Amino acid sequence: MNAVELSIYHWLIIAAFIGVVIWAFGRKRKARFEEDARIPFEDGKD
């Protein structure tokens, strides 16, 4: 591999990471995160 190929892979990995972060913390998942955050405080639900 030459330096250009390594640079392309580097930017592809960065783009994939940014895509995963945007997907994980998108607005559509906010309600799910808030619901899951309350799980430790629920009483009697198993």
Protein backbone atom coordinates (compact mmCIF):
# COMPACT_ATOMS: atom_id res chain seq x y z
CA MET A 1 0.00 0.00 0.00
CA ASN A 2 1.20 3.44 -0.74
CA ALA A 3 0.55 6.65 1.16
CA VAL A 4 -2.44 7.63 -0.98
CA GLU A 5 -4.24 4.34 -0.30
CA LEU A 6 -3.60 4.67 3.41
CA SER A 7 -4.96 8.20 3.36
CA ILE A 8 -8.13 7.05 1.59
CA TYR A 9 -8.70 4.29 4.15
CA HIS A 10 -8.04 6.75 6.95
CA TRP A 11 -10.74 9.13 5.70
CA LEU A 12 -13.17 6.25 5.11
CA ILE A 13 -12.76 5.13 8.71
CA ILE A 14 -13.27 8.68 9.98
CA ALA A 15 -16.41 9.05 7.84
CA ALA A 16 -17.76 5.72 9.12
CA PHE A 17 -17.12 6.75 12.72
CA ILE A 18 -18.91 10.06 12.24
CA GLY A 19 -21.82 8.23 10.60
CA VAL A 20 -22.15 5.85 13.53
CA VAL A 21 -22.05 8.73 16.03
CA ILE A 22 -24.76 10.62 14.13
CA TRP A 23 -26.86 7.46 13.89
CA ALA A 24 -26.47 6.60 17.58
CA PHE A 25 -27.25 10.05 18.92
CA GLY A 26 -29.90 11.07 16.42
CA ARG A 27 -33.17 12.63 17.49
CA LYS A 28 -35.12 9.46 16.71
CA ARG A 29 -33.36 7.59 19.52
CA LYS A 30 -33.68 10.29 22.20
CA ALA A 31 -36.91 8.86 23.62
CA ARG A 32 -35.38 5.39 23.81
CA PHE A 33 -32.29 6.70 25.63
CA GLU A 34 -34.43 8.61 28.14
CA GLU A 35 -36.60 5.54 28.76
CA ASP A 36 -33.56 3.32 29.23
CA ALA A 37 -31.99 5.86 31.59
CA ARG A 38 -34.95 5.44 33.98
CA ILE A 39 -34.62 1.64 34.23
CA PRO A 40 -32.44 1.64 37.39
CA PHE A 41 -35.02 3.73 39.24
CA GLU A 42 -38.04 1.54 38.50
CA ASP A 43 -39.35 -0.47 41.44
CA GLY A 44 -40.62 -4.03 41.27
CA LYS A 45 -40.30 -4.55 37.55
CA ASP A 46 -38.27 -7.63 36.67
